[in-house]
Amino acid sequence: MSLTERSQSLLKRNLTLEDALPTRMPVYVNSVAYLFGAGSLVGFLMLILTGLVMTIFGPNWYHYSATGHFVNSLHFWSTQIFFVALLLHLVVKFVMAAWRDKRFKTWIFGILSFAVLIFTGLTGFLLQSSWDSQWIAVQAKDAMNAIGIGAWFNTANVGQMLTLHIALLPVLGAILVGVHLFFVRRDSPVKPLSRSGRRHES
């Protein structure tokens, strides 16, 4: 069996068309508690879009172009929105015990996505080409040396950080987010805890 056939078989067994593109959602999803995940996803998509535009025109484009400065500002504020929404999503799902009802894989891939995207954000702040980014690079280099990965992760190397920021880390993050969404769609959003403190039955 080829890799394509295995992928088809996996998707057919685990994800229906209604799961992938639902036309109806459970009534409990009509709550602000379920909004932050969608907000972080929108922020992530904006980061990819604005990041692709800046990649096409080069890392110095936004320093001398008004349009580039605008796109860079969109990228920066998308980062703020993304991480605020993601942190709220993480806190809400922790309080809701979102790993319930055999959803631990959803939780694990969500945490892995968060960890990878934190490092992606760090490499982005190192690419501002300003005194601020130089200060961050020096401080981060000390931290990397302290945990023993300074030889492989050199925050003062702009070329390495640029490669990590626009190639490796976003692709890895997108894959992890995709797997996370796959499990969310397959298993449906986690049910809220009942007022009595007991968990809803599946």
N, C-alpha and C. Protein backbone atom coordinates (compact mmCIF):
# COMPACT_ATOMS: atom_id res chain seq x y z
N MET A 1 0.85 -1.19 0.00
CA MET A 1 0.00 0.00 0.00
C MET A 1 0.89 1.25 0.00
N SER A 2 0.61 2.19 -0.89
CA SER A 2 1.42 3.40 -1.01
C SER A 2 1.07 4.39 0.10
N LEU A 3 1.91 5.40 0.25
CA LEU A 3 1.68 6.44 1.25
C LEU A 3 0.38 7.18 0.98
N THR A 4 0.07 7.41 -0.29
CA THR A 4 -1.18 8.09 -0.66
C THR A 4 -2.39 7.26 -0.25
N GLU A 5 -2.33 5.96 -0.51
CA GLU A 5 -3.44 5.07 -0.14
C GLU A 5 -3.61 5.00 1.37
N ARG A 6 -2.49 4.97 2.08
CA ARG A 6 -2.57 4.94 3.55
C ARG A 6 -3.19 6.23 4.09
N SER A 7 -2.81 7.36 3.48
CA SER A 7 -3.37 8.65 3.91
C SER A 7 -4.87 8.70 3.65
N GLN A 8 -5.30 8.22 2.47
CA GLN A 8 -6.72 8.17 2.15
C GLN A 8 -7.48 7.30 3.14
N SER A 9 -6.90 6.14 3.45
CA SER A 9 -7.54 5.21 4.39
C SER A 9 -7.65 5.82 5.78
N LEU A 10 -6.59 6.51 6.21
CA LEU A 10 -6.60 7.15 7.53
C LEU A 10 -7.68 8.22 7.62
N LEU A 11 -7.78 9.05 6.56
CA LEU A 11 -8.77 10.12 6.57
C LEU A 11 -10.19 9.56 6.51
N LYS A 12 -10.41 8.52 5.72
CA LYS A 12 -11.74 7.93 5.61
C LYS A 12 -12.19 7.32 6.94
N ARG A 13 -11.25 6.73 7.67
CA ARG A 13 -11.59 6.09 8.93
C ARG A 13 -11.85 7.10 10.05
N ASN A 14 -11.19 8.25 9.98
CA ASN A 14 -11.20 9.17 11.11
C ASN A 14 -11.92 10.48 10.88
N LEU A 15 -12.19 10.85 9.62
CA LEU A 15 -12.74 12.18 9.37
C LEU A 15 -13.79 12.12 8.27
N THR A 16 -15.04 12.41 8.64
CA THR A 16 -16.10 12.47 7.64
C THR A 16 -16.14 13.88 7.04
N LEU A 17 -16.89 14.04 5.96
CA LEU A 17 -17.02 15.36 5.33
C LEU A 17 -17.71 16.34 6.26
N GLU A 18 -18.66 15.85 7.04
CA GLU A 18 -19.35 16.72 8.01
C GLU A 18 -18.41 17.15 9.13
N ASP A 19 -17.48 16.27 9.50
CA ASP A 19 -16.48 16.64 10.51
C ASP A 19 -15.54 17.72 9.98
N ALA A 20 -15.08 17.54 8.73
CA ALA A 20 -14.11 18.46 8.14
C ALA A 20 -14.73 19.82 7.86
N LEU A 21 -15.96 19.84 7.32
CA LEU A 21 -16.66 21.09 6.99
C LEU A 21 -18.06 21.04 7.61
N PRO A 22 -18.15 21.24 8.93
CA PRO A 22 -19.45 21.08 9.59
C PRO A 22 -20.44 22.17 9.21
N THR A 23 -21.69 21.77 9.01
CA THR A 23 -22.76 22.72 8.73
C THR A 23 -23.53 23.07 10.01
N ARG A 24 -23.41 22.22 11.03
CA ARG A 24 -24.05 22.47 12.32
C ARG A 24 -23.04 22.19 13.42
N MET A 25 -23.06 23.04 14.45
CA MET A 25 -22.16 22.87 15.58
C MET A 25 -22.99 22.65 16.85
N PRO A 26 -22.41 21.99 17.86
CA PRO A 26 -23.14 21.80 19.12
C PRO A 26 -23.52 23.15 19.74
N VAL A 27 -24.63 23.18 20.46
CA VAL A 27 -25.14 24.44 21.01
C VAL A 27 -24.16 25.04 22.01
N TYR A 28 -23.39 24.19 22.72
CA TYR A 28 -22.48 24.72 23.73
C TYR A 28 -21.29 25.48 23.12
N VAL A 29 -21.07 25.33 21.81
CA VAL A 29 -19.97 26.05 21.16
C VAL A 29 -20.30 27.53 21.03
N ASN A 30 -21.60 27.90 21.17
CA ASN A 30 -22.01 29.29 21.09
C ASN A 30 -21.67 30.01 22.40
N SER A 31 -20.36 30.09 22.67
CA SER A 31 -19.86 30.69 23.90
C SER A 31 -18.51 31.33 23.63
N VAL A 32 -18.21 32.39 24.38
CA VAL A 32 -16.93 33.08 24.19
C VAL A 32 -15.75 32.16 24.51
N ALA A 33 -15.97 31.14 25.32
CA ALA A 33 -14.90 30.21 25.69
C ALA A 33 -14.34 29.47 24.48
N TYR A 34 -15.16 29.34 23.43
CA TYR A 34 -14.73 28.63 22.22
C TYR A 34 -14.28 29.59 21.13
N LEU A 35 -14.19 30.88 21.46
CA LEU A 35 -13.82 31.89 20.47
C LEU A 35 -12.31 32.04 20.31
N PHE A 36 -11.56 31.80 21.38
CA PHE A 36 -10.14 32.11 21.37
C PHE A 36 -9.34 31.21 20.43
N GLY A 37 -9.77 29.97 20.27
CA GLY A 37 -9.08 29.09 19.33
C GLY A 37 -9.21 29.59 17.91
N ALA A 38 -10.42 30.03 17.54
CA ALA A 38 -10.63 30.59 16.20
C ALA A 38 -9.87 31.89 16.03
N GLY A 39 -9.80 32.70 17.09
CA GLY A 39 -9.05 33.96 17.03
C GLY A 39 -7.57 33.73 16.81
N SER A 40 -7.01 32.75 17.50
CA SER A 40 -5.59 32.43 17.31
C SER A 40 -5.33 31.87 15.92
N LEU A 41 -6.28 31.11 15.37
CA LEU A 41 -6.12 30.57 14.02
C LEU A 41 -6.13 31.69 12.98
N VAL A 42 -7.02 32.67 13.15
CA VAL A 42 -7.05 33.83 12.24
C VAL A 42 -5.74 34.61 12.33
N GLY A 43 -5.24 34.82 13.55
CA GLY A 43 -3.97 35.49 13.73
C GLY A 43 -2.83 34.74 13.06
N PHE A 44 -2.84 33.42 13.15
CA PHE A 44 -1.81 32.58 12.52
C PHE A 44 -1.86 32.71 11.00
N LEU A 45 -3.06 32.71 10.44
CA LEU A 45 -3.20 32.85 8.99
C LEU A 45 -2.72 34.24 8.53
N MET A 46 -3.00 35.28 9.31
CA MET A 46 -2.51 36.61 8.97
C MET A 46 -0.99 36.68 9.04
N LEU A 47 -0.41 35.99 10.01
CA LEU A 47 1.05 35.94 10.11
C LEU A 47 1.67 35.29 8.88
N ILE A 48 1.07 34.20 8.43
CA ILE A 48 1.58 33.52 7.24
C ILE A 48 1.46 34.42 6.01
N LEU A 49 0.32 35.07 5.85
CA LEU A 49 0.09 35.92 4.68
C LEU A 49 1.06 37.11 4.65
N THR A 50 1.14 37.85 5.75
CA THR A 50 2.03 39.01 5.79
C THR A 50 3.49 38.57 5.75
N GLY A 51 3.80 37.43 6.35
CA GLY A 51 5.16 36.91 6.31
C GLY A 51 5.59 36.54 4.90
N LEU A 52 4.68 35.95 4.13
CA LEU A 52 5.00 35.62 2.73
C LEU A 52 5.29 36.87 1.92
N VAL A 53 4.50 37.92 2.14
CA VAL A 53 4.72 39.19 1.41
C VAL A 53 6.09 39.75 1.76
N MET A 54 6.45 39.77 3.04
CA MET A 54 7.75 40.30 3.44
C MET A 54 8.90 39.42 2.95
N THR A 55 8.68 38.13 2.86
CA THR A 55 9.71 37.23 2.35
C THR A 55 10.00 37.51 0.88
N ILE A 56 8.96 37.79 0.12
CA ILE A 56 9.13 38.07 -1.31
C ILE A 56 9.98 39.32 -1.54
N PHE A 57 9.76 40.36 -0.73
CA PHE A 57 10.45 41.63 -0.94
C PHE A 57 11.75 41.76 -0.14
N GLY A 58 12.04 40.81 0.73
CA GLY A 58 13.31 40.82 1.43
C GLY A 58 13.24 41.39 2.83
N PRO A 59 14.23 41.05 3.68
CA PRO A 59 14.18 41.44 5.10
C PRO A 59 14.40 42.91 5.37
N ASN A 60 14.89 43.69 4.39
CA ASN A 60 15.12 45.12 4.62
C ASN A 60 14.05 46.01 3.98
N TRP A 61 13.10 45.39 3.27
CA TRP A 61 12.09 46.14 2.53
C TRP A 61 11.29 47.08 3.41
N TYR A 62 10.92 46.61 4.59
CA TYR A 62 10.05 47.40 5.45
C TYR A 62 10.77 48.57 6.12
N HIS A 63 12.09 48.68 5.93
CA HIS A 63 12.83 49.81 6.51
C HIS A 63 12.78 51.06 5.62
N TYR A 64 12.65 50.85 4.30
CA TYR A 64 12.69 52.01 3.39
C TYR A 64 11.42 52.19 2.57
N SER A 65 10.44 51.32 2.74
CA SER A 65 9.19 51.40 1.99
C SER A 65 8.02 51.62 2.94
N ALA A 66 7.16 52.60 2.61
CA ALA A 66 5.97 52.84 3.43
C ALA A 66 5.04 51.64 3.41
N THR A 67 4.90 51.02 2.23
CA THR A 67 4.08 49.82 2.12
C THR A 67 4.67 48.68 2.94
N GLY A 68 6.00 48.55 2.86
CA GLY A 68 6.68 47.53 3.64
C GLY A 68 6.50 47.74 5.13
N HIS A 69 6.56 49.00 5.55
CA HIS A 69 6.37 49.33 6.97
C HIS A 69 4.95 48.96 7.41
N PHE A 70 3.98 49.20 6.53
CA PHE A 70 2.59 48.85 6.84
C PHE A 70 2.42 47.33 6.98
N VAL A 71 3.00 46.58 6.04
CA VAL A 71 2.90 45.11 6.09
C VAL A 71 3.62 44.59 7.33
N ASN A 72 4.77 45.17 7.64
CA ASN A 72 5.52 44.77 8.84
C ASN A 72 4.70 45.05 10.10
N SER A 73 3.99 46.18 10.12
CA SER A 73 3.14 46.51 11.26
C SER A 73 1.99 45.51 11.39
N LEU A 74 1.40 45.13 10.26
CA LEU A 74 0.35 44.10 10.28
C LEU A 74 0.89 42.79 10.83
N HIS A 75 2.10 42.44 10.42
CA HIS A 75 2.74 41.21 10.90
C HIS A 75 2.97 41.29 12.41
N PHE A 76 3.46 42.44 12.85
CA PHE A 76 3.73 42.63 14.29
C PHE A 76 2.45 42.52 15.12
N TRP A 77 1.40 43.23 14.71
CA TRP A 77 0.17 43.22 15.49
C TRP A 77 -0.58 41.89 15.37
N SER A 78 -0.40 41.20 14.25
CA SER A 78 -0.95 39.85 14.13
C SER A 78 -0.29 38.92 15.14
N THR A 79 1.01 39.14 15.38
CA THR A 79 1.72 38.36 16.38
C THR A 79 1.13 38.59 17.76
N GLN A 80 0.86 39.86 18.10
CA GLN A 80 0.30 40.18 19.42
C GLN A 80 -1.08 39.53 19.59
N ILE A 81 -1.92 39.69 18.56
CA ILE A 81 -3.27 39.11 18.62
C ILE A 81 -3.20 37.60 18.71
N PHE A 82 -2.30 37.02 17.92
CA PHE A 82 -2.16 35.56 17.89
C PHE A 82 -1.80 35.01 19.27
N PHE A 83 -0.77 35.59 19.89
CA PHE A 83 -0.32 35.04 21.16
C PHE A 83 -1.27 35.35 22.31
N VAL A 84 -1.93 36.49 22.29
CA VAL A 84 -2.94 36.78 23.32
C VAL A 84 -4.10 35.79 23.21
N ALA A 85 -4.60 35.60 21.97
CA ALA A 85 -5.70 34.66 21.76
C ALA A 85 -5.27 33.23 22.10
N LEU A 86 -4.03 32.88 21.75
CA LEU A 86 -3.53 31.53 22.01
C LEU A 86 -3.38 31.28 23.50
N LEU A 87 -2.88 32.27 24.22
CA LEU A 87 -2.74 32.12 25.67
C LEU A 87 -4.11 31.99 26.35
N LEU A 88 -5.07 32.82 25.92
CA LEU A 88 -6.43 32.71 26.46
C LEU A 88 -7.04 31.35 26.12
N HIS A 89 -6.81 30.88 24.90
CA HIS A 89 -7.29 29.56 24.47
C HIS A 89 -6.71 28.48 25.36
N LEU A 90 -5.41 28.57 25.64
CA LEU A 90 -4.74 27.58 26.49
C LEU A 90 -5.30 27.58 27.90
N VAL A 91 -5.47 28.78 28.47
CA VAL A 91 -5.98 28.89 29.84
C VAL A 91 -7.41 28.36 29.93
N VAL A 92 -8.26 28.76 28.98
CA VAL A 92 -9.66 28.33 28.99
C VAL A 92 -9.76 26.81 28.86
N LYS A 93 -8.99 26.24 27.96
CA LYS A 93 -9.05 24.79 27.76
C LYS A 93 -8.48 24.03 28.95
N PHE A 94 -7.49 24.63 29.64
CA PHE A 94 -6.97 24.00 30.85
C PHE A 94 -8.04 23.99 31.93
N VAL A 95 -8.73 25.13 32.11
CA VAL A 95 -9.79 25.22 33.12
C VAL A 95 -10.94 24.27 32.78
N MET A 96 -11.19 24.09 31.48
CA MET A 96 -12.27 23.20 31.05
C MET A 96 -11.85 21.73 31.04
N ALA A 97 -10.59 21.46 31.38
CA ALA A 97 -10.06 20.09 31.34
C ALA A 97 -10.29 19.47 29.96
N ALA A 98 -9.74 20.13 28.94
CA ALA A 98 -10.03 19.77 27.55
C ALA A 98 -9.46 18.43 27.12
N TRP A 99 -8.67 17.80 27.96
CA TRP A 99 -8.13 16.47 27.64
C TRP A 99 -9.11 15.36 27.98
N ARG A 100 -10.28 15.73 28.50
CA ARG A 100 -11.30 14.74 28.86
C ARG A 100 -11.79 13.96 27.65
N ASP A 101 -12.46 12.86 27.91
CA ASP A 101 -13.14 12.06 26.88
C ASP A 101 -12.17 11.65 25.76
N LYS A 102 -10.98 11.20 26.17
CA LYS A 102 -9.97 10.66 25.24
C LYS A 102 -9.48 11.70 24.24
N ARG A 103 -9.46 12.97 24.67
CA ARG A 103 -8.97 14.03 23.79
C ARG A 103 -7.53 14.44 24.14
N PHE A 104 -6.78 13.56 24.76
CA PHE A 104 -5.43 13.91 25.18
C PHE A 104 -4.52 14.20 23.99
N LYS A 105 -4.77 13.56 22.83
CA LYS A 105 -3.95 13.82 21.64
C LYS A 105 -4.15 15.26 21.15
N THR A 106 -5.38 15.74 21.22
CA THR A 106 -5.67 17.13 20.85
C THR A 106 -4.88 18.07 21.75
N TRP A 107 -4.88 17.78 23.05
CA TRP A 107 -4.18 18.62 24.03
C TRP A 107 -2.67 18.57 23.78
N ILE A 108 -2.12 17.39 23.55
CA ILE A 108 -0.67 17.24 23.36
C ILE A 108 -0.20 18.01 22.13
N PHE A 109 -0.92 17.86 21.01
CA PHE A 109 -0.51 18.56 19.80
C PHE A 109 -0.72 20.08 19.91
N GLY A 110 -1.70 20.49 20.71
CA GLY A 110 -1.87 21.92 20.97
C GLY A 110 -0.69 22.49 21.75
N ILE A 111 -0.23 21.77 22.77
CA ILE A 111 0.92 22.20 23.56
C ILE A 111 2.18 22.23 22.71
N LEU A 112 2.38 21.19 21.87
CA LEU A 112 3.55 21.16 20.98
C LEU A 112 3.53 22.34 20.00
N SER A 113 2.34 22.65 19.47
CA SER A 113 2.21 23.80 18.57
C SER A 113 2.59 25.08 19.28
N PHE A 114 2.12 25.25 20.51
CA PHE A 114 2.41 26.44 21.30
C PHE A 114 3.92 26.58 21.51
N ALA A 115 4.60 25.47 21.85
CA ALA A 115 6.04 25.50 22.11
C ALA A 115 6.82 25.90 20.86
N VAL A 116 6.46 25.30 19.72
CA VAL A 116 7.17 25.61 18.47
C VAL A 116 6.94 27.06 18.05
N LEU A 117 5.71 27.53 18.19
CA LEU A 117 5.38 28.89 17.76
C LEU A 117 5.96 29.95 18.69
N ILE A 118 6.23 29.60 19.96
CA ILE A 118 6.93 30.51 20.85
C ILE A 118 8.34 30.77 20.31
N PHE A 119 9.03 29.71 19.89
CA PHE A 119 10.37 29.86 19.32
C PHE A 119 10.31 30.60 17.99
N THR A 120 9.25 30.38 17.22
CA THR A 120 9.08 31.11 15.97
C THR A 120 8.95 32.61 16.23
N GLY A 121 8.19 32.96 17.26
CA GLY A 121 8.05 34.37 17.64
C GLY A 121 9.37 34.97 18.07
N LEU A 122 10.18 34.20 18.83
CA LEU A 122 11.49 34.69 19.26
C LEU A 122 12.37 35.00 18.05
N THR A 123 12.42 34.09 17.08
CA THR A 123 13.25 34.34 15.90
C THR A 123 12.75 35.54 15.12
N GLY A 124 11.45 35.80 15.15
CA GLY A 124 10.90 36.97 14.47
C GLY A 124 11.36 38.27 15.10
N PHE A 125 11.36 38.32 16.44
CA PHE A 125 11.81 39.52 17.13
C PHE A 125 13.30 39.77 16.91
N LEU A 126 14.05 38.72 16.58
CA LEU A 126 15.49 38.86 16.31
C LEU A 126 15.75 39.40 14.90
N LEU A 127 14.73 39.49 14.06
CA LEU A 127 14.91 39.91 12.67
C LEU A 127 14.44 41.35 12.43
N GLN A 128 14.24 42.11 13.48
CA GLN A 128 13.78 43.49 13.31
C GLN A 128 14.86 44.41 12.76
N SER A 129 16.11 43.98 12.77
CA SER A 129 17.25 44.78 12.29
C SER A 129 17.32 46.12 13.01
N SER A 130 17.19 46.08 14.32
CA SER A 130 17.22 47.30 15.13
C SER A 130 18.05 47.04 16.38
N TRP A 131 18.29 48.11 17.16
CA TRP A 131 19.00 47.95 18.42
C TRP A 131 18.23 47.03 19.36
N ASP A 132 16.93 47.09 19.28
CA ASP A 132 16.08 46.24 20.11
C ASP A 132 16.35 44.77 19.84
N SER A 133 16.40 44.40 18.54
CA SER A 133 16.63 42.99 18.18
C SER A 133 18.03 42.54 18.57
N GLN A 134 19.02 43.45 18.49
CA GLN A 134 20.38 43.10 18.90
C GLN A 134 20.44 42.82 20.40
N TRP A 135 19.74 43.64 21.19
CA TRP A 135 19.71 43.42 22.63
C TRP A 135 19.03 42.09 22.95
N ILE A 136 17.92 41.80 22.28
CA ILE A 136 17.21 40.53 22.49
C ILE A 136 18.12 39.37 22.12
N ALA A 137 18.88 39.50 21.02
CA ALA A 137 19.76 38.43 20.57
C ALA A 137 20.82 38.10 21.61
N VAL A 138 21.43 39.13 22.18
CA VAL A 138 22.48 38.91 23.18
C VAL A 138 21.91 38.25 24.43
N GLN A 139 20.75 38.75 24.90
CA GLN A 139 20.14 38.18 26.09
C GLN A 139 19.68 36.74 25.84
N ALA A 140 19.10 36.51 24.67
CA ALA A 140 18.62 35.16 24.33
C ALA A 140 19.79 34.19 24.16
N LYS A 141 20.92 34.70 23.62
CA LYS A 141 22.10 33.85 23.45
C LYS A 141 22.58 33.33 24.79
N ASP A 142 22.58 34.17 25.79
CA ASP A 142 22.96 33.73 27.14
C ASP A 142 22.02 32.63 27.64
N ALA A 143 20.72 32.80 27.37
CA ALA A 143 19.75 31.79 27.80
C ALA A 143 19.96 30.47 27.06
N MET A 144 20.24 30.54 25.74
CA MET A 144 20.48 29.33 24.97
C MET A 144 21.73 28.60 25.45
N ASN A 145 22.78 29.37 25.77
CA ASN A 145 24.00 28.77 26.30
C ASN A 145 23.74 28.10 27.65
N ALA A 146 22.89 28.74 28.47
CA ALA A 146 22.61 28.21 29.81
C ALA A 146 21.91 26.86 29.76
N ILE A 147 21.05 26.66 28.74
CA ILE A 147 20.33 25.38 28.66
C ILE A 147 21.03 24.39 27.73
N GLY A 148 22.22 24.78 27.20
CA GLY A 148 23.05 23.83 26.47
C GLY A 148 22.79 23.69 24.99
N ILE A 149 22.06 24.63 24.37
CA ILE A 149 21.80 24.51 22.93
C ILE A 149 22.37 25.69 22.15
N GLY A 150 23.24 26.46 22.79
CA GLY A 150 23.81 27.63 22.15
C GLY A 150 24.64 27.32 20.92
N ALA A 151 25.25 26.11 20.88
CA ALA A 151 26.07 25.73 19.73
C ALA A 151 25.23 25.48 18.49
N TRP A 152 23.97 25.09 18.65
CA TRP A 152 23.08 24.79 17.51
C TRP A 152 22.08 25.91 17.24
N PHE A 153 21.76 26.67 18.27
CA PHE A 153 20.75 27.73 18.14
C PHE A 153 21.41 29.05 18.51
N ASN A 154 22.01 29.70 17.52
CA ASN A 154 22.78 30.93 17.74
C ASN A 154 21.90 32.13 17.41
N THR A 155 21.38 32.78 18.43
CA THR A 155 20.46 33.89 18.22
C THR A 155 21.14 35.11 17.61
N ALA A 156 22.47 35.17 17.67
CA ALA A 156 23.20 36.30 17.07
C ALA A 156 23.48 36.09 15.59
N ASN A 157 23.14 34.93 15.06
CA ASN A 157 23.36 34.62 13.64
C ASN A 157 22.07 34.95 12.88
N VAL A 158 22.06 36.09 12.20
CA VAL A 158 20.84 36.57 11.52
C VAL A 158 20.42 35.60 10.42
N GLY A 159 21.37 35.05 9.68
CA GLY A 159 21.04 34.10 8.60
C GLY A 159 20.35 32.87 9.13
N GLN A 160 20.85 32.35 10.24
CA GLN A 160 20.24 31.16 10.85
C GLN A 160 18.83 31.48 11.35
N MET A 161 18.68 32.62 12.00
CA MET A 161 17.37 33.00 12.52
C MET A 161 16.37 33.25 11.39
N LEU A 162 16.83 33.85 10.29
CA LEU A 162 15.96 34.10 9.16
C LEU A 162 15.47 32.79 8.54
N THR A 163 16.39 31.83 8.40
CA THR A 163 16.01 30.52 7.86
C THR A 163 15.02 29.81 8.76
N LEU A 164 15.29 29.83 10.05
CA LEU A 164 14.37 29.20 11.00
C LEU A 164 13.00 29.87 10.99
N HIS A 165 13.00 31.22 10.90
CA HIS A 165 11.74 31.96 11.01
C HIS A 165 10.85 31.83 9.78
N ILE A 166 11.44 31.77 8.58
CA ILE A 166 10.60 31.76 7.38
C ILE A 166 10.47 30.38 6.75
N ALA A 167 11.23 29.39 7.24
CA ALA A 167 11.18 28.07 6.60
C ALA A 167 10.84 26.97 7.60
N LEU A 168 11.77 26.63 8.47
CA LEU A 168 11.61 25.44 9.31
C LEU A 168 10.49 25.55 10.33
N LEU A 169 10.55 26.58 11.19
CA LEU A 169 9.60 26.67 12.30
C LEU A 169 8.15 26.91 11.87
N PRO A 170 7.89 27.81 10.89
CA PRO A 170 6.48 27.97 10.46
C PRO A 170 5.90 26.70 9.84
N VAL A 171 6.71 25.98 9.06
CA VAL A 171 6.22 24.74 8.46
C VAL A 171 5.91 23.71 9.54
N LEU A 172 6.84 23.56 10.49
CA LEU A 172 6.61 22.62 11.60
C LEU A 172 5.40 23.04 12.42
N GLY A 173 5.27 24.34 12.69
CA GLY A 173 4.12 24.84 13.44
C GLY A 173 2.81 24.60 12.70
N ALA A 174 2.81 24.84 11.39
CA ALA A 174 1.60 24.63 10.58
C ALA A 174 1.19 23.16 10.58
N ILE A 175 2.17 22.26 10.51
CA ILE A 175 1.87 20.81 10.55
C ILE A 175 1.24 20.44 11.88
N LEU A 176 1.83 20.92 12.98
CA LEU A 176 1.30 20.61 14.31
C LEU A 176 -0.09 21.20 14.51
N VAL A 177 -0.30 22.43 14.04
CA VAL A 177 -1.63 23.04 14.13
C VAL A 177 -2.63 22.25 13.29
N GLY A 178 -2.20 21.79 12.10
CA GLY A 178 -3.07 20.98 11.24
C GLY A 178 -3.48 19.69 11.91
N VAL A 179 -2.53 19.01 12.57
CA VAL A 179 -2.85 17.77 13.30
C VAL A 179 -3.78 18.07 14.47
N HIS A 180 -3.52 19.18 15.17
CA HIS A 180 -4.38 19.60 16.28
C HIS A 180 -5.82 19.81 15.79
N LEU A 181 -5.98 20.52 14.68
CA LEU A 181 -7.31 20.76 14.12
C LEU A 181 -7.96 19.47 13.64
N PHE A 182 -7.15 18.55 13.12
CA PHE A 182 -7.67 17.25 12.69
C PHE A 182 -8.35 16.54 13.86
N PHE A 183 -7.67 16.53 15.02
CA PHE A 183 -8.25 15.86 16.19
C PHE A 183 -9.46 16.62 16.72
N VAL A 184 -9.43 17.96 16.65
CA VAL A 184 -10.60 18.74 17.07
C VAL A 184 -11.81 18.40 16.21
N ARG A 185 -11.59 18.33 14.89
CA ARG A 185 -12.69 18.02 13.97
C ARG A 185 -13.15 16.58 14.13
N ARG A 186 -12.22 15.68 14.35
CA ARG A 186 -12.60 14.28 14.47
C ARG A 186 -13.39 14.01 15.74
N ASP A 187 -12.94 14.60 16.87
CA ASP A 187 -13.55 14.30 18.16
C ASP A 187 -14.58 15.33 18.60
N SER A 188 -14.73 16.43 17.85
CA SER A 188 -15.62 17.55 18.15
C SER A 188 -15.07 18.36 19.32
N PRO A 189 -15.49 19.63 19.46
CA PRO A 189 -15.02 20.44 20.60
C PRO A 189 -15.41 19.81 21.92
N VAL A 190 -14.55 19.97 22.92
CA VAL A 190 -14.82 19.37 24.23
C VAL A 190 -16.06 20.00 24.85
N LYS A 191 -16.84 19.19 25.53
CA LYS A 191 -18.05 19.69 26.19
C LYS A 191 -17.68 20.46 27.45
N PRO A 192 -18.47 21.47 27.80
CA PRO A 192 -18.17 22.23 29.04
C PRO A 192 -18.44 21.38 30.27
N LEU A 193 -17.80 21.75 31.37
CA LEU A 193 -18.08 21.10 32.64
C LEU A 193 -19.45 21.54 33.14
N SER A 194 -20.16 20.64 33.79
CA SER A 194 -21.48 20.99 34.31
C SER A 194 -21.33 21.90 35.52
N ARG A 195 -22.39 22.61 35.88
CA ARG A 195 -22.35 23.55 37.00
C ARG A 195 -22.10 22.85 38.33
N SER A 196 -22.51 21.59 38.41
CA SER A 196 -22.32 20.85 39.64
C SER A 196 -20.86 20.41 39.84
N GLY A 197 -20.05 20.61 38.78
CA GLY A 197 -18.65 20.21 38.87
C GLY A 197 -18.39 18.88 38.22
N ARG A 198 -19.48 18.14 37.91
CA ARG A 198 -19.32 16.86 37.24
C ARG A 198 -19.13 17.07 35.76
N ARG A 199 -18.45 16.18 35.14
CA ARG A 199 -18.19 16.30 33.72
C ARG A 199 -19.35 15.72 32.92
N HIS A 200 -19.64 16.38 31.80
CA HIS A 200 -20.67 15.86 30.91
C HIS A 200 -20.22 14.54 30.34
N GLU A 201 -21.14 13.65 30.16
CA GLU A 201 -20.81 12.36 29.53
C GLU A 201 -20.78 12.54 28.03
N SER A 202 -19.92 11.78 27.37
CA SER A 202 -19.83 11.84 25.91
C SER A 202 -21.01 11.13 25.30
